[in-house]
Amino acid sequence: MPISVAAFLTYALLLLAGLGLTLGPIIEQATAAPVTLQGVVWMALIALAIFSITMVWQRKQAGRGFAMALTTILFPAGPYVALTLGNWLPGLPFIILALALLRGLSGSRARAWLSEV
């Protein structure tokens, strides 16, 4: 398994764990209103993370596209953290991680490893 694929799986599993841990307030909102924008976004992110992990784990070609889509979520996270904390430095690791994962996933080793149809 290429290091970029292992790094993506680590990122995706940590993202899935983080989404699961922050699901409590979303469920509390569901008692007041059955459909909220935040709930829909959370469920879509959870579904994308689970589906991406499954596709990459099975070494499917389509998994690479889903992995890259899940990685692009990090791009808005960088400026959001930077604006929230009032300093650009804490948001920089998110953007660097996104660029490194995208470069690794688009490389030849990851493309060769994710080769099943």
PDB file of N, CA and C in Angstrom:
ATOM      1  N   MET A   1       0.852  -1.174   0.000  1.00  0.00           N
ATOM      2  CA  MET A   1       0.000   0.000   0.000  1.00  0.00           C
ATOM      3  C   MET A   1       0.899   1.240   0.000  1.00  0.00           C
ATOM      4  N   PRO A   2       0.698   2.130  -0.971  1.00  0.00           N
ATOM      5  CA  PRO A   2       1.492   3.362  -1.014  1.00  0.00           C
ATOM      6  C   PRO A   2       1.224   4.239   0.208  1.00  0.00           C
ATOM      7  N   ILE A   3       2.202   5.037   0.555  1.00  0.00           N
ATOM      8  CA  ILE A   3       2.099   5.890   1.737  1.00  0.00           C
ATOM      9  C   ILE A   3       0.963   6.907   1.588  1.00  0.00           C
ATOM     10  N   SER A   4       0.706   7.358   0.367  1.00  0.00           N
ATOM     11  CA  SER A   4      -0.369   8.335   0.171  1.00  0.00           C
ATOM     12  C   SER A   4      -1.738   7.712   0.439  1.00  0.00           C
ATOM     13  N   VAL A   5      -1.902   6.447   0.074  1.00  0.00           N
ATOM     14  CA  VAL A   5      -3.171   5.770   0.334  1.00  0.00           C
ATOM     15  C   VAL A   5      -3.328   5.523   1.833  1.00  0.00           C
ATOM     16  N   ALA A   6      -2.241   5.122   2.497  1.00  0.00           N
ATOM     17  CA  ALA A   6      -2.289   4.915   3.947  1.00  0.00           C
ATOM     18  C   ALA A   6      -2.575   6.235   4.669  1.00  0.00           C
ATOM     19  N   ALA A   7      -1.978   7.326   4.191  1.00  0.00           N
ATOM     20  CA  ALA A   7      -2.229   8.639   4.800  1.00  0.00           C
ATOM     21  C   ALA A   7      -3.682   9.059   4.589  1.00  0.00           C
ATOM     22  N   PHE A   8      -4.226   8.782   3.400  1.00  0.00           N
ATOM     23  CA  PHE A   8      -5.635   9.115   3.171  1.00  0.00           C
ATOM     24  C   PHE A   8      -6.533   8.307   4.087  1.00  0.00           C
ATOM     25  N   LEU A   9      -6.279   7.013   4.215  1.00  0.00           N
ATOM     26  CA  LEU A   9      -7.123   6.187   5.083  1.00  0.00           C
ATOM     27  C   LEU A   9      -7.060   6.670   6.530  1.00  0.00           C
ATOM     28  N   THR A  10      -5.886   7.079   6.978  1.00  0.00           N
ATOM     29  CA  THR A  10      -5.750   7.632   8.329  1.00  0.00           C
ATOM     30  C   THR A  10      -6.560   8.915   8.466  1.00  0.00           C
ATOM     31  N   TYR A  11      -6.427   9.797   7.483  1.00  0.00           N
ATOM     32  CA  TYR A  11      -7.186  11.048   7.498  1.00  0.00           C
ATOM     33  C   TYR A  11      -8.688  10.780   7.496  1.00  0.00           C
ATOM     34  N   ALA A  12      -9.132   9.874   6.631  1.00  0.00           N
ATOM     35  CA  ALA A  12     -10.563   9.598   6.505  1.00  0.00           C
ATOM     36  C   ALA A  12     -11.127   8.975   7.783  1.00  0.00           C
ATOM     37  N   LEU A  13     -10.377   8.075   8.396  1.00  0.00           N
ATOM     38  CA  LEU A  13     -10.851   7.460   9.638  1.00  0.00           C
ATOM     39  C   LEU A  13     -10.890   8.473  10.777  1.00  0.00           C
ATOM     40  N   LEU A  14      -9.905   9.383  10.841  1.00  0.00           N
ATOM     41  CA  LEU A  14      -9.930  10.437  11.856  1.00  0.00           C
ATOM     42  C   LEU A  14     -11.088  11.405  11.610  1.00  0.00           C
ATOM     43  N   LEU A  15     -11.346  11.722  10.348  1.00  0.00           N
ATOM     44  CA  LEU A  15     -12.482  12.574  10.020  1.00  0.00           C
ATOM     45  C   LEU A  15     -13.793  11.916  10.412  1.00  0.00           C
ATOM     46  N   LEU A  16     -13.918  10.632  10.128  1.00  0.00           N
ATOM     47  CA  LEU A  16     -15.128   9.896  10.482  1.00  0.00           C
ATOM     48  C   LEU A  16     -15.313   9.844  11.998  1.00  0.00           C
ATOM     49  N   ALA A  17     -14.233   9.639  12.738  1.00  0.00           N
ATOM     50  CA  ALA A  17     -14.321   9.637  14.200  1.00  0.00           C
ATOM     51  C   ALA A  17     -14.724  11.017  14.724  1.00  0.00           C
ATOM     52  N   GLY A  18     -14.153  12.074  14.142  1.00  0.00           N
ATOM     53  CA  GLY A  18     -14.519  13.423  14.558  1.00  0.00           C
ATOM     54  C   GLY A  18     -15.966  13.750  14.270  1.00  0.00           C
ATOM     55  N   LEU A  19     -16.449  13.325  13.112  1.00  0.00           N
ATOM     56  CA  LEU A  19     -17.862  13.552  12.782  1.00  0.00           C
ATOM     57  C   LEU A  19     -18.771  12.776  13.727  1.00  0.00           C
ATOM     58  N   GLY A  20     -18.364  11.578  14.073  1.00  0.00           N
ATOM     59  CA  GLY A  20     -19.168  10.779  14.997  1.00  0.00           C
ATOM     60  C   GLY A  20     -19.215  11.371  16.394  1.00  0.00           C
ATOM     61  N   LEU A  21     -18.086  11.916  16.844  1.00  0.00           N
ATOM     62  CA  LEU A  21     -18.044  12.513  18.181  1.00  0.00           C
ATOM     63  C   LEU A  21     -18.852  13.801  18.275  1.00  0.00           C
ATOM     64  N   THR A  22     -18.978  14.516  17.178  1.00  0.00           N
ATOM     65  CA  THR A  22     -19.724  15.775  17.198  1.00  0.00           C
ATOM     66  C   THR A  22     -21.164  15.601  16.729  1.00  0.00           C
ATOM     67  N   LEU A  23     -21.642  14.390  16.668  1.00  0.00           N
ATOM     68  CA  LEU A  23     -22.988  14.119  16.183  1.00  0.00           C
ATOM     69  C   LEU A  23     -24.068  14.408  17.239  1.00  0.00           C
ATOM     70  N   GLY A  24     -23.689  14.521  18.497  1.00  0.00           N
ATOM     71  CA  GLY A  24     -24.660  14.758  19.574  1.00  0.00           C
ATOM     72  C   GLY A  24     -25.519  15.985  19.370  1.00  0.00           C
ATOM     73  N   PRO A  25     -24.937  17.168  19.143  1.00  0.00           N
ATOM     74  CA  PRO A  25     -25.766  18.359  18.918  1.00  0.00           C
ATOM     75  C   PRO A  25     -26.646  18.263  17.672  1.00  0.00           C
ATOM     76  N   ILE A  26     -26.177  17.536  16.668  1.00  0.00           N
ATOM     77  CA  ILE A  26     -26.980  17.369  15.449  1.00  0.00           C
ATOM     78  C   ILE A  26     -28.236  16.563  15.768  1.00  0.00           C
ATOM     79  N   ILE A  27     -28.079  15.541  16.571  1.00  0.00           N
ATOM     80  CA  ILE A  27     -29.228  14.712  16.941  1.00  0.00           C
ATOM     81  C   ILE A  27     -30.178  15.493  17.835  1.00  0.00           C
ATOM     82  N   GLU A  28     -29.648  16.352  18.711  1.00  0.00           N
ATOM     83  CA  GLU A  28     -30.503  17.189  19.547  1.00  0.00           C
ATOM     84  C   GLU A  28     -31.321  18.162  18.702  1.00  0.00           C
ATOM     85  N   GLN A  29     -30.738  18.667  17.616  1.00  0.00           N
ATOM     86  CA  GLN A  29     -31.480  19.554  16.719  1.00  0.00           C
ATOM     87  C   GLN A  29     -32.609  18.805  16.017  1.00  0.00           C
ATOM     88  N   ALA A  30     -32.422  17.515  15.809  1.00  0.00           N
ATOM     89  CA  ALA A  30     -33.428  16.727  15.086  1.00  0.00           C
ATOM     90  C   ALA A  30     -34.720  16.586  15.881  1.00  0.00           C
ATOM     91  N   THR A  31     -34.656  16.784  17.183  1.00  0.00           N
ATOM     92  CA  THR A  31     -35.887  16.718  17.969  1.00  0.00           C
ATOM     93  C   THR A  31     -36.761  17.939  17.730  1.00  0.00           C
ATOM     94  N   ALA A  32     -36.132  19.087  17.453  1.00  0.00           N
ATOM     95  CA  ALA A  32     -36.889  20.311  17.200  1.00  0.00           C
ATOM     96  C   ALA A  32     -37.352  20.407  15.749  1.00  0.00           C
ATOM     97  N   ALA A  33     -36.478  20.053  14.825  1.00  0.00           N
ATOM     98  CA  ALA A  33     -36.806  20.102  13.395  1.00  0.00           C
ATOM     99  C   ALA A  33     -36.238  18.846  12.743  1.00  0.00           C
ATOM    100  N   PRO A  34     -37.050  18.123  12.002  1.00  0.00           N
ATOM    101  CA  PRO A  34     -36.575  16.856  11.441  1.00  0.00           C
ATOM    102  C   PRO A  34     -35.462  17.013  10.411  1.00  0.00           C
ATOM    103  N   VAL A  35     -35.437  18.125   9.678  1.00  0.00           N
ATOM    104  CA  VAL A  35     -34.409  18.332   8.659  1.00  0.00           C
ATOM    105  C   VAL A  35     -33.762  19.690   8.893  1.00  0.00           C
ATOM    106  N   THR A  36     -32.457  19.677   9.125  1.00  0.00           N
ATOM    107  CA  THR A  36     -31.699  20.915   9.249  1.00  0.00           C
ATOM    108  C   THR A  36     -30.544  20.873   8.269  1.00  0.00           C
ATOM    109  N   LEU A  37     -30.065  22.025   7.866  1.00  0.00           N
ATOM    110  CA  LEU A  37     -28.954  22.091   6.921  1.00  0.00           C
ATOM    111  C   LEU A  37     -27.700  21.448   7.512  1.00  0.00           C
ATOM    112  N   GLN A  38     -27.449  21.725   8.769  1.00  0.00           N
ATOM    113  CA  GLN A  38     -26.277  21.142   9.423  1.00  0.00           C
ATOM    114  C   GLN A  38     -26.381  19.621   9.483  1.00  0.00           C
ATOM    115  N   GLY A  39     -27.550  19.098   9.747  1.00  0.00           N
ATOM    116  CA  GLY A  39     -27.741  17.654   9.789  1.00  0.00           C
ATOM    117  C   GLY A  39     -27.547  17.004   8.427  1.00  0.00           C
ATOM    118  N   VAL A  40     -28.042  17.660   7.386  1.00  0.00           N
ATOM    119  CA  VAL A  40     -27.881  17.126   6.036  1.00  0.00           C
ATOM    120  C   VAL A  40     -26.407  17.120   5.633  1.00  0.00           C
ATOM    121  N   VAL A  41     -25.700  18.196   5.953  1.00  0.00           N
ATOM    122  CA  VAL A  41     -24.265  18.266   5.623  1.00  0.00           C
ATOM    123  C   VAL A  41     -23.495  17.201   6.391  1.00  0.00           C
ATOM    124  N   TRP A  42     -23.790  17.034   7.673  1.00  0.00           N
ATOM    125  CA  TRP A  42     -23.095  16.029   8.488  1.00  0.00           C
ATOM    126  C   TRP A  42     -23.329  14.618   7.937  1.00  0.00           C
ATOM    127  N   MET A  43     -24.571  14.314   7.602  1.00  0.00           N
ATOM    128  CA  MET A  43     -24.882  12.976   7.080  1.00  0.00           C
ATOM    129  C   MET A  43     -24.215  12.753   5.718  1.00  0.00           C
ATOM    130  N   ALA A  44     -24.154  13.794   4.892  1.00  0.00           N
ATOM    131  CA  ALA A  44     -23.480  13.666   3.597  1.00  0.00           C
ATOM    132  C   ALA A  44     -21.981  13.434   3.784  1.00  0.00           C
ATOM    133  N   LEU A  45     -21.368  14.139   4.741  1.00  0.00           N
ATOM    134  CA  LEU A  45     -19.947  13.932   5.010  1.00  0.00           C
ATOM    135  C   LEU A  45     -19.670  12.532   5.548  1.00  0.00           C
ATOM    136  N   ILE A  46     -20.529  12.055   6.432  1.00  0.00           N
ATOM    137  CA  ILE A  46     -20.355  10.704   6.970  1.00  0.00           C
ATOM    138  C   ILE A  46     -20.497   9.674   5.850  1.00  0.00           C
ATOM    139  N   ALA A  47     -21.497   9.847   4.998  1.00  0.00           N
ATOM    140  CA  ALA A  47     -21.688   8.911   3.892  1.00  0.00           C
ATOM    141  C   ALA A  47     -20.511   8.941   2.927  1.00  0.00           C
ATOM    142  N   LEU A  48     -20.009  10.140   2.601  1.00  0.00           N
ATOM    143  CA  LEU A  48     -18.859  10.255   1.701  1.00  0.00           C
ATOM    144  C   LEU A  48     -17.621   9.619   2.314  1.00  0.00           C
ATOM    145  N   ALA A  49     -17.406   9.824   3.612  1.00  0.00           N
ATOM    146  CA  ALA A  49     -16.239   9.236   4.271  1.00  0.00           C
ATOM    147  C   ALA A  49     -16.315   7.712   4.272  1.00  0.00           C
ATOM    148  N   ILE A  50     -17.463   7.173   4.634  1.00  0.00           N
ATOM    149  CA  ILE A  50     -17.607   5.711   4.672  1.00  0.00           C
ATOM    150  C   ILE A  50     -17.459   5.117   3.276  1.00  0.00           C
ATOM    151  N   PHE A  51     -18.081   5.738   2.294  1.00  0.00           N
ATOM    152  CA  PHE A  51     -18.007   5.219   0.931  1.00  0.00           C
ATOM    153  C   PHE A  51     -16.589   5.316   0.379  1.00  0.00           C
ATOM    154  N   SER A  52     -15.891   6.423   0.662  1.00  0.00           N
ATOM    155  CA  SER A  52     -14.516   6.585   0.186  1.00  0.00           C
ATOM    156  C   SER A  52     -13.590   5.554   0.817  1.00  0.00           C
ATOM    157  N   ILE A  53     -13.722   5.353   2.124  1.00  0.00           N
ATOM    158  CA  ILE A  53     -12.888   4.360   2.808  1.00  0.00           C
ATOM    159  C   ILE A  53     -13.130   2.976   2.224  1.00  0.00           C
ATOM    160  N   THR A  54     -14.395   2.645   1.998  1.00  0.00           N
ATOM    161  CA  THR A  54     -14.726   1.329   1.452  1.00  0.00           C
ATOM    162  C   THR A  54     -14.138   1.140   0.059  1.00  0.00           C
ATOM    163  N   MET A  55     -14.282   2.142  -0.798  1.00  0.00           N
ATOM    164  CA  MET A  55     -13.777   2.026  -2.169  1.00  0.00           C
ATOM    165  C   MET A  55     -12.252   1.941  -2.209  1.00  0.00           C
ATOM    166  N   VAL A  56     -11.575   2.730  -1.389  1.00  0.00           N
ATOM    167  CA  VAL A  56     -10.110   2.693  -1.372  1.00  0.00           C
ATOM    168  C   VAL A  56      -9.629   1.382  -0.773  1.00  0.00           C
ATOM    169  N   TRP A  57     -10.290   0.914   0.267  1.00  0.00           N
ATOM    170  CA  TRP A  57      -9.899  -0.350   0.902  1.00  0.00           C
ATOM    171  C   TRP A  57     -10.016  -1.528  -0.075  1.00  0.00           C
ATOM    172  N   GLN A  58     -11.015  -1.456  -0.968  1.00  0.00           N
ATOM    173  CA  GLN A  58     -11.207  -2.507  -1.964  1.00  0.00           C
ATOM    174  C   GLN A  58     -10.362  -2.291  -3.216  1.00  0.00           C
ATOM    175  N   ARG A  59      -9.543  -1.254  -3.235  1.00  0.00           N
ATOM    176  CA  ARG A  59      -8.619  -0.945  -4.325  1.00  0.00           C
ATOM    177  C   ARG A  59      -9.337  -0.657  -5.643  1.00  0.00           C
ATOM    178  N   LYS A  60     -10.484  -0.017  -5.589  1.00  0.00           N
ATOM    179  CA  LYS A  60     -11.254   0.310  -6.788  1.00  0.00           C
ATOM    180  C   LYS A  60     -10.720   1.602  -7.417  1.00  0.00           C
ATOM    181  N   GLN A  61     -10.803   1.691  -8.743  1.00  0.00           N
ATOM    182  CA  GLN A  61     -10.360   2.892  -9.448  1.00  0.00           C
ATOM    183  C   GLN A  61     -11.200   4.103  -9.058  1.00  0.00           C
ATOM    184  N   ALA A  62     -12.487   3.899  -8.877  1.00  0.00           N
ATOM    185  CA  ALA A  62     -13.366   5.008  -8.505  1.00  0.00           C
ATOM    186  C   ALA A  62     -13.050   5.537  -7.108  1.00  0.00           C
ATOM    187  N   GLY A  63     -12.421   4.734  -6.279  1.00  0.00           N
ATOM    188  CA  GLY A  63     -12.059   5.168  -4.941  1.00  0.00           C
ATOM    189  C   GLY A  63     -11.105   6.345  -4.943  1.00  0.00           C
ATOM    190  N   ARG A  64     -10.266   6.438  -5.979  1.00  0.00           N
ATOM    191  CA  ARG A  64      -9.325   7.547  -6.074  1.00  0.00           C
ATOM    192  C   ARG A  64     -10.064   8.872  -6.218  1.00  0.00           C
ATOM    193  N   GLY A  65     -11.097   8.891  -7.036  1.00  0.00           N
ATOM    194  CA  GLY A  65     -11.885  10.117  -7.196  1.00  0.00           C
ATOM    195  C   GLY A  65     -12.621  10.500  -5.928  1.00  0.00           C
ATOM    196  N   PHE A  66     -13.190   9.496  -5.257  1.00  0.00           N
ATOM    197  CA  PHE A  66     -13.874   9.779  -3.993  1.00  0.00           C
ATOM    198  C   PHE A  66     -12.883  10.235  -2.923  1.00  0.00           C
ATOM    199  N   ALA A  67     -11.692   9.647  -2.926  1.00  0.00           N
ATOM    200  CA  ALA A  67     -10.668  10.056  -1.959  1.00  0.00           C
ATOM    201  C   ALA A  67     -10.237  11.494  -2.198  1.00  0.00           C
ATOM    202  N   MET A  68     -10.088  11.853  -3.456  1.00  0.00           N
ATOM    203  CA  MET A  68      -9.699  13.234  -3.763  1.00  0.00           C
ATOM    204  C   MET A  68     -10.828  14.203  -3.405  1.00  0.00           C
ATOM    205  N   ALA A  69     -12.069  13.789  -3.597  1.00  0.00           N
ATOM    206  CA  ALA A  69     -13.203  14.644  -3.225  1.00  0.00           C
ATOM    207  C   ALA A  69     -13.255  14.852  -1.717  1.00  0.00           C
ATOM    208  N   LEU A  70     -13.003  13.794  -0.956  1.00  0.00           N
ATOM    209  CA  LEU A  70     -13.023  13.918   0.502  1.00  0.00           C
ATOM    210  C   LEU A  70     -11.847  14.758   0.993  1.00  0.00           C
ATOM    211  N   THR A  71     -10.741  14.709   0.273  1.00  0.00           N
ATOM    212  CA  THR A  71      -9.568  15.493   0.654  1.00  0.00           C
ATOM    213  C   THR A  71      -9.795  16.984   0.428  1.00  0.00           C
ATOM    214  N   THR A  72     -10.573  17.354  -0.575  1.00  0.00           N
ATOM    215  CA  THR A  72     -10.786  18.776  -0.860  1.00  0.00           C
ATOM    216  C   THR A  72     -11.567  19.484   0.244  1.00  0.00           C
ATOM    217  N   ILE A  73     -12.138  18.732   1.160  1.00  0.00           N
ATOM    218  CA  ILE A  73     -12.827  19.352   2.295  1.00  0.00           C
ATOM    219  C   ILE A  73     -11.839  20.122   3.166  1.00  0.00           C
ATOM    220  N   LEU A  74     -10.572  19.752   3.118  1.00  0.00           N
ATOM    221  CA  LEU A  74      -9.566  20.421   3.937  1.00  0.00           C
ATOM    222  C   LEU A  74      -9.276  21.847   3.466  1.00  0.00           C
ATOM    223  N   PHE A  75      -9.515  22.158   2.188  1.00  0.00           N
ATOM    224  CA  PHE A  75      -9.191  23.499   1.691  1.00  0.00           C
ATOM    225  C   PHE A  75      -9.979  24.603   2.384  1.00  0.00           C
ATOM    226  N   PRO A  76     -11.295  24.499   2.543  1.00  0.00           N
ATOM    227  CA  PRO A  76     -11.976  25.561   3.289  1.00  0.00           C
ATOM    228  C   PRO A  76     -11.710  25.517   4.788  1.00  0.00           C
ATOM    229  N   ALA A  77     -11.239  24.377   5.290  1.00  0.00           N
ATOM    230  CA  ALA A  77     -10.966  24.284   6.727  1.00  0.00           C
ATOM    231  C   ALA A  77      -9.798  25.179   7.124  1.00  0.00           C
ATOM    232  N   GLY A  78      -8.801  25.300   6.256  1.00  0.00           N
ATOM    233  CA  GLY A  78      -7.636  26.135   6.565  1.00  0.00           C
ATOM    234  C   GLY A  78      -7.997  27.591   6.796  1.00  0.00           C
ATOM    235  N   PRO A  79      -8.640  28.255   5.826  1.00  0.00           N
ATOM    236  CA  PRO A  79      -9.030  29.650   6.063  1.00  0.00           C
ATOM    237  C   PRO A  79     -10.031  29.811   7.198  1.00  0.00           C
ATOM    238  N   TYR A  80     -10.914  28.826   7.386  1.00  0.00           N
ATOM    239  CA  TYR A  80     -11.881  28.909   8.475  1.00  0.00           C
ATOM    240  C   TYR A  80     -11.167  28.932   9.829  1.00  0.00           C
ATOM    241  N   VAL A  81     -10.204  28.037  10.013  1.00  0.00           N
ATOM    242  CA  VAL A  81      -9.441  28.015  11.270  1.00  0.00           C
ATOM    243  C   VAL A  81      -8.636  29.299  11.408  1.00  0.00           C
ATOM    244  N   ALA A  82      -8.043  29.757  10.313  1.00  0.00           N
ATOM    245  CA  ALA A  82      -7.239  30.983  10.362  1.00  0.00           C
ATOM    246  C   ALA A  82      -8.094  32.189  10.734  1.00  0.00           C
ATOM    247  N   LEU A  83      -9.276  32.293  10.157  1.00  0.00           N
ATOM    248  CA  LEU A  83     -10.144  33.428  10.480  1.00  0.00           C
ATOM    249  C   LEU A  83     -10.732  33.320  11.882  1.00  0.00           C
ATOM    250  N   THR A  84     -10.995  32.111  12.326  1.00  0.00           N
ATOM    251  CA  THR A  84     -11.549  31.922  13.662  1.00  0.00           C
ATOM    252  C   THR A  84     -10.543  32.308  14.732  1.00  0.00           C
ATOM    253  N   LEU A  85      -9.296  31.906  14.545  1.00  0.00           N
ATOM    254  CA  LEU A  85      -8.275  32.176  15.556  1.00  0.00           C
ATOM    255  C   LEU A  85      -7.580  33.516  15.343  1.00  0.00           C
ATOM    256  N   GLY A  86      -7.811  34.172  14.213  1.00  0.00           N
ATOM    257  CA  GLY A  86      -7.224  35.486  13.975  1.00  0.00           C
ATOM    258  C   GLY A  86      -5.780  35.440  13.554  1.00  0.00           C
ATOM    259  N   ASN A  87      -5.294  34.299  13.118  1.00  0.00           N
ATOM    260  CA  ASN A  87      -3.911  34.154  12.686  1.00  0.00           C
ATOM    261  C   ASN A  87      -3.886  33.149  11.547  1.00  0.00           C
ATOM    262  N   TRP A  88      -3.087  33.389  10.527  1.00  0.00           N
ATOM    263  CA  TRP A  88      -3.069  32.494   9.369  1.00  0.00           C
ATOM    264  C   TRP A  88      -2.284  31.215   9.636  1.00  0.00           C
ATOM    265  N   LEU A  89      -1.404  31.205  10.618  1.00  0.00           N
ATOM    266  CA  LEU A  89      -0.522  30.069  10.855  1.00  0.00           C
ATOM    267  C   LEU A  89      -1.257  28.781  11.259  1.00  0.00           C
ATOM    268  N   PRO A  90      -2.279  28.803  12.129  1.00  0.00           N
ATOM    269  CA  PRO A  90      -2.955  27.545  12.473  1.00  0.00           C
ATOM    270  C   PRO A  90      -3.724  26.919  11.312  1.00  0.00           C
ATOM    271  N   GLY A  91      -4.102  27.687  10.311  1.00  0.00           N
ATOM    272  CA  GLY A  91      -4.820  27.141   9.170  1.00  0.00           C
ATOM    273  C   GLY A  91      -3.927  26.544   8.106  1.00  0.00           C
ATOM    274  N   LEU A  92      -2.638  26.827   8.176  1.00  0.00           N
ATOM    275  CA  LEU A  92      -1.690  26.359   7.168  1.00  0.00           C
ATOM    276  C   LEU A  92      -1.538  24.836   7.108  1.00  0.00           C
ATOM    277  N   PRO A  93      -1.500  24.114   8.237  1.00  0.00           N
ATOM    278  CA  PRO A  93      -1.354  22.656   8.140  1.00  0.00           C
ATOM    279  C   PRO A  93      -2.485  21.965   7.387  1.00  0.00           C
ATOM    280  N   PHE A  94      -3.691  22.493   7.462  1.00  0.00           N
ATOM    281  CA  PHE A  94      -4.810  21.892   6.736  1.00  0.00           C
ATOM    282  C   PHE A  94      -4.593  21.983   5.228  1.00  0.00           C
ATOM    283  N   ILE A  95      -4.138  23.139   4.770  1.00  0.00           N
ATOM    284  CA  ILE A  95      -3.913  23.327   3.339  1.00  0.00           C
ATOM    285  C   ILE A  95      -2.719  22.499   2.875  1.00  0.00           C
ATOM    286  N   ILE A  96      -1.666  22.431   3.679  1.00  0.00           N
ATOM    287  CA  ILE A  96      -0.498  21.616   3.315  1.00  0.00           C
ATOM    288  C   ILE A  96      -0.872  20.145   3.261  1.00  0.00           C
ATOM    289  N   LEU A  97      -1.656  19.672   4.226  1.00  0.00           N
ATOM    290  CA  LEU A  97      -2.094  18.279   4.217  1.00  0.00           C
ATOM    291  C   LEU A  97      -2.950  17.979   2.996  1.00  0.00           C
ATOM    292  N   ALA A  98      -3.845  18.888   2.644  1.00  0.00           N
ATOM    293  CA  ALA A  98      -4.693  18.686   1.465  1.00  0.00           C
ATOM    294  C   ALA A  98      -3.851  18.611   0.200  1.00  0.00           C
ATOM    295  N   LEU A  99      -2.896  19.510   0.052  1.00  0.00           N
ATOM    296  CA  LEU A  99      -2.038  19.490  -1.138  1.00  0.00           C
ATOM    297  C   LEU A  99      -1.200  18.222  -1.197  1.00  0.00           C
ATOM    298  N   ALA A 100      -0.667  17.789  -0.059  1.00  0.00           N
ATOM    299  CA  ALA A 100       0.157  16.579  -0.035  1.00  0.00           C
ATOM    300  C   ALA A 100      -0.681  15.341  -0.365  1.00  0.00           C
ATOM    301  N   LEU A 101      -1.884  15.259   0.194  1.00  0.00           N
ATOM    302  CA  LEU A 101      -2.742  14.113  -0.101  1.00  0.00           C
ATOM    303  C   LEU A 101      -3.180  14.099  -1.563  1.00  0.00           C
ATOM    304  N   LEU A 102      -3.537  15.256  -2.103  1.00  0.00           N
ATOM    305  CA  LEU A 102      -3.950  15.308  -3.502  1.00  0.00           C
ATOM    306  C   LEU A 102      -2.800  14.947  -4.436  1.00  0.00           C
ATOM    307  N   ARG A 103      -1.611  15.418  -4.117  1.00  0.00           N
ATOM    308  CA  ARG A 103      -0.452  15.079  -4.951  1.00  0.00           C
ATOM    309  C   ARG A 103      -0.144  13.591  -4.870  1.00  0.00           C
ATOM    310  N   GLY A 104      -0.211  13.033  -3.670  1.00  0.00           N
ATOM    311  CA  GLY A 104       0.057  11.612  -3.521  1.00  0.00           C
ATOM    312  C   GLY A 104      -0.989  10.740  -4.180  1.00  0.00           C
ATOM    313  N   LEU A 105      -2.262  11.131  -4.060  1.00  0.00           N
ATOM    314  CA  LEU A 105      -3.334  10.335  -4.668  1.00  0.00           C
ATOM    315  C   LEU A 105      -3.351  10.425  -6.185  1.00  0.00           C
ATOM    316  N   SER A 106      -2.809  11.494  -6.736  1.00  0.00           N
ATOM    317  CA  SER A 106      -2.765  11.611  -8.192  1.00  0.00           C
ATOM    318  C   SER A 106      -1.482  11.035  -8.774  1.00  0.00           C
ATOM    319  N   GLY A 107      -0.602  10.523  -7.928  1.00  0.00           N
ATOM    320  CA  GLY A 107       0.657   9.947  -8.388  1.00  0.00           C
ATOM    321  C   GLY A 107       0.498   8.570  -9.009  1.00  0.00           C
ATOM    322  N   SER A 108       1.564   8.106  -9.609  1.00  0.00           N
ATOM    323  CA  SER A 108       1.514   6.832 -10.333  1.00  0.00           C
ATOM    324  C   SER A 108       1.411   5.627  -9.391  1.00  0.00           C
ATOM    325  N   ARG A 109       2.028   5.708  -8.213  1.00  0.00           N
ATOM    326  CA  ARG A 109       1.958   4.570  -7.283  1.00  0.00           C
ATOM    327  C   ARG A 109       0.541   4.359  -6.773  1.00  0.00           C
ATOM    328  N   ALA A 110      -0.140   5.439  -6.420  1.00  0.00           N
ATOM    329  CA  ALA A 110      -1.525   5.321  -5.956  1.00  0.00           C
ATOM    330  C   ALA A 110      -2.437   4.890  -7.096  1.00  0.00           C
ATOM    331  N   ARG A 111      -2.180   5.398  -8.284  1.00  0.00           N
ATOM    332  CA  ARG A 111      -2.985   5.013  -9.440  1.00  0.00           C
ATOM    333  C   ARG A 111      -2.817   3.541  -9.769  1.00  0.00           C
ATOM    334  N   ALA A 112      -1.594   3.040  -9.644  1.00  0.00           N
ATOM    335  CA  ALA A 112      -1.348   1.618  -9.910  1.00  0.00           C
ATOM    336  C   ALA A 112      -1.961   0.738  -8.817  1.00  0.00           C
ATOM    337  N   TRP A 113      -1.935   1.202  -7.568  1.00  0.00           N
ATOM    338  CA  TRP A 113      -2.479   0.403  -6.476  1.00  0.00           C
ATOM    339  C   TRP A 113      -4.002   0.355  -6.535  1.00  0.00           C
ATOM    340  N   LEU A 114      -4.622   1.473  -6.909  1.00  0.00           N
ATOM    341  CA  LEU A 114      -6.084   1.527  -7.032  1.00  0.00           C
ATOM    342  C   LEU A 114      -6.448   1.148  -8.474  1.00  0.00           C
ATOM    343  N   SER A 115      -6.296  -0.111  -8.806  1.00  0.00           N
ATOM    344  CA  SER A 115      -6.403  -0.519 -10.208  1.00  0.00           C
ATOM    345  C   SER A 115      -7.587  -1.431 -10.521  1.00  0.00           C
ATOM    346  N   GLU A 116      -8.320  -1.873  -9.531  1.00  0.00           N
ATOM    347  CA  GLU A 116      -9.419  -2.797  -9.806  1.00  0.00           C
ATOM    348  C   GLU A 116     -10.644  -2.043 -10.299  1.00  0.00           C
ATOM    349  N   VAL A 117     -11.369  -2.689 -11.171  1.00  0.00           N
ATOM    350  CA  VAL A 117     -12.546  -2.048 -11.767  1.00  0.00           C
ATOM    351  C   VAL A 117     -13.753  -2.266 -10.940  1.00  0.00           C
TER     352      VAL A 117
END
